[in-house]
C-alpha atoms as a PDB file:
ATOM      1  CA  UNK A   1      44.303 -14.191  47.925  1.00  0.00           C
ATOM      2  CA  UNK A   2      45.975 -17.125  49.625  1.00  0.00           C
ATOM      3  CA  UNK A   3      45.131 -18.224  53.057  1.00  0.00           C
ATOM      4  CA  UNK A   4      47.757 -18.093  55.878  1.00  0.00           C
ATOM      5  CA  UNK A   5      49.018 -21.362  57.200  1.00  0.00           C
ATOM      6  CA  UNK A   6      47.597 -22.314  60.491  1.00  0.00           C
ATOM      7  CA  UNK A   7      50.370 -21.921  63.293  1.00  0.00           C
ATOM      8  CA  UNK A   8      51.349 -25.160  65.092  1.00  0.00           C
ATOM      9  CA  UNK A   9      49.862 -25.389  68.734  1.00  0.00           C
ATOM     10  CA  UNK A  10      53.376 -25.770  71.480  1.00  0.00           C
ATOM     11  CA  UNK A  11      53.856 -26.860  74.537  1.00  0.00           C
ATOM     12  CA  UNK A  12      57.043 -26.394  76.881  1.00  0.00           C
ATOM     13  CA  UNK A  13      57.802 -29.697  78.188  1.00  0.00           C
ATOM     14  CA  UNK A  14      60.561 -28.625  80.607  1.00  0.00           C
ATOM     15  CA  UNK A  15      63.004 -25.403  80.812  1.00  0.00           C
ATOM     16  CA  UNK A  16      66.294 -24.559  82.633  1.00  0.00           C
ATOM     17  CA  UNK A  17      68.014 -21.121  82.494  1.00  0.00           C
ATOM     18  CA  UNK A  18      69.870 -22.545  79.460  1.00  0.00           C
ATOM     19  CA  UNK A  19      67.767 -25.405  78.012  1.00  0.00           C
ATOM     20  CA  UNK A  20      64.537 -25.951  76.572  1.00  0.00           C
ATOM     21  CA  UNK A  21      62.133 -28.790  75.393  1.00  0.00           C
ATOM     22  CA  UNK A  22      59.078 -28.110  73.746  1.00  0.00           C
ATOM     23  CA  UNK A  23      56.470 -30.100  71.608  1.00  0.00           C
ATOM     24  CA  UNK A  24      54.468 -28.842  68.442  1.00  0.00           C
ATOM     25  CA  UNK A  25      51.117 -30.056  67.065  1.00  0.00           C
ATOM     26  CA  UNK A  26      51.513 -29.549  63.540  1.00  0.00           C
ATOM     27  CA  UNK A  27      48.637 -28.258  61.178  1.00  0.00           C
ATOM     28  CA  UNK A  28      49.126 -31.712  59.334  1.00  0.00           C
ATOM     29  CA  UNK A  29      48.295 -33.580  62.775  1.00  0.00           C
ATOM     30  CA  UNK A  30      51.847 -34.640  63.271  1.00  0.00           C
ATOM     31  CA  UNK A  31      53.559 -33.931  66.736  1.00  0.00           C
ATOM     32  CA  UNK A  32      57.326 -32.788  66.638  1.00  0.00           C
ATOM     33  CA  UNK A  33      59.746 -32.261  69.361  1.00  0.00           C
ATOM     34  CA  UNK A  34      62.321 -29.777  69.861  1.00  0.00           C
ATOM     35  CA  UNK A  35      65.538 -29.320  72.056  1.00  0.00           C
ATOM     36  CA  UNK A  36      67.079 -25.877  72.308  1.00  0.00           C
ATOM     37  CA  UNK A  37      70.647 -26.530  73.499  1.00  0.00           C
ATOM     38  CA  UNK A  38      72.007 -23.159  73.825  1.00  0.00           C
ATOM     39  CA  UNK A  39      72.879 -22.038  70.357  1.00  0.00           C
ATOM     40  CA  UNK A  40      71.711 -25.456  69.124  1.00  0.00           C
ATOM     41  CA  UNK A  41      68.388 -26.661  68.069  1.00  0.00           C
ATOM     42  CA  UNK A  42      67.609 -30.602  67.811  1.00  0.00           C
ATOM     43  CA  UNK A  43      64.371 -31.420  65.915  1.00  0.00           C
ATOM     44  CA  UNK A  44      62.502 -34.653  66.242  1.00  0.00           C
ATOM     45  CA  UNK A  45      59.589 -36.652  64.970  1.00  0.00           C
ATOM     46  CA  UNK A  46      57.476 -38.458  67.496  1.00  0.00           C
ATOM     47  CA  UNK A  47      59.431 -41.994  66.555  1.00  0.00           C
ATOM     48  CA  UNK A  48      63.288 -40.221  66.969  1.00  0.00           C
ATOM     49  CA  UNK A  49      61.775 -38.346  70.338  1.00  0.00           C
ATOM     50  CA  UNK A  50      60.794 -41.788  71.696  1.00  0.00           C
ATOM     51  CA  UNK A  51      64.231 -43.193  70.773  1.00  0.00           C
ATOM     52  CA  UNK A  52      66.023 -40.303  72.100  1.00  0.00           C
ATOM     53  CA  UNK A  53      64.239 -40.276  75.398  1.00  0.00           C
ATOM     54  CA  UNK A  54      64.867 -44.216  75.625  1.00  0.00           C
ATOM     55  CA  UNK A  55      68.620 -43.220  75.095  1.00  0.00           C
ATOM     56  CA  UNK A  56      68.634 -40.461  77.645  1.00  0.00           C
ATOM     57  CA  UNK A  57      67.045 -43.177  80.093  1.00  0.00           C
ATOM     58  CA  UNK A  58      69.861 -45.496  79.741  1.00  0.00           C
ATOM     59  CA  UNK A  59      72.738 -42.614  80.384  1.00  0.00           C
ATOM     60  CA  UNK A  60      70.846 -41.942  83.761  1.00  0.00           C
ATOM     61  CA  UNK A  61      70.509 -45.400  84.623  1.00  0.00           C
END
């Protein structure tokens, strides 16, 4: 009988009425980041997330 795959450990980073940012510690050790923007969800690996945060900081500077 096959074992169930372990579930990722998730943590909410920030949340508003319509948006959600959360991270997941995947079973393979990778951290992924997710933005839920109404009916669109964006998924990022760590390097992509860091670049996205740099872009966001430049937008609000």
